[in-house]
């Protein structure tokens, strides 16, 4: 009886952890994607301006 209760609580905690981590990952994915696109834009802008300066 106690063993099954232990397993049940462990299962509940595991499901809760998976659920929370899924939400955190979804939020992080959104922020990381926007951050990466912003970073890529900055890098491209600085690279293009740098190459323009090198040419002139």
Protein backbone atom coordinates (compact mmCIF):
# COMPACT_ATOMS: atom_id res chain seq x y z
CA UNK A 1 0.00 0.00 0.00
CA UNK A 2 2.68 2.46 1.02
CA UNK A 3 4.84 1.54 -1.98
CA UNK A 4 2.00 2.26 -4.42
CA UNK A 5 1.32 5.57 -2.67
CA UNK A 6 4.98 6.44 -2.99
CA UNK A 7 4.95 5.61 -6.70
CA UNK A 8 1.76 7.61 -7.20
CA UNK A 9 3.17 10.73 -5.55
CA UNK A 10 6.39 10.28 -7.54
CA UNK A 11 4.33 10.04 -10.73
CA UNK A 12 2.42 13.20 -9.80
CA UNK A 13 5.64 15.10 -9.09
CA UNK A 14 7.17 13.86 -12.35
CA UNK A 15 4.11 14.94 -14.35
CA UNK A 16 4.15 18.32 -12.62
CA UNK A 17 7.87 18.78 -13.32
CA UNK A 18 7.40 17.84 -16.98
CA UNK A 19 4.47 20.25 -17.29
CA UNK A 20 6.36 23.14 -15.68
CA UNK A 21 9.50 22.49 -17.72
CA UNK A 22 7.40 22.38 -20.90
CA UNK A 23 5.91 25.80 -20.10
CA UNK A 24 9.33 27.23 -19.21
CA UNK A 25 10.82 25.81 -22.42
CA UNK A 26 7.99 27.30 -24.49
CA UNK A 27 8.53 30.74 -22.94
CA UNK A 28 12.30 30.48 -23.29
CA UNK A 29 11.98 29.34 -26.90
CA UNK A 30 9.93 32.43 -27.73
CA UNK A 31 12.35 34.81 -25.99
CA UNK A 32 15.45 33.03 -27.31
CA UNK A 33 14.11 33.08 -30.88
CA UNK A 34 13.45 36.84 -30.73
CA UNK A 35 16.81 37.43 -29.04
CA UNK A 36 18.66 35.39 -31.68
CA UNK A 37 16.90 37.20 -34.53
CA UNK A 38 17.73 40.54 -32.89
CA UNK A 39 21.36 39.47 -32.42
CA UNK A 40 21.54 38.27 -36.04
CA UNK A 41 20.14 41.61 -37.22
CA UNK A 42 22.72 43.54 -35.19
CA UNK A 43 25.56 41.33 -36.46
CA UNK A 44 24.41 41.69 -40.07
CA UNK A 45 24.06 45.47 -39.69
CA UNK A 46 27.48 45.87 -38.09
CA UNK A 47 29.05 43.55 -40.70
CA UNK A 48 27.45 45.40 -43.63
CA UNK A 49 28.43 48.81 -42.23
CA UNK A 50 31.95 47.50 -41.57
CA UNK A 51 32.32 46.19 -45.13
CA UNK A 52 30.99 49.50 -46.48
CA UNK A 53 33.60 51.39 -44.44
CA UNK A 54 36.32 49.05 -45.68
CA UNK A 55 35.34 49.65 -49.31
CA UNK A 56 35.32 53.45 -48.96
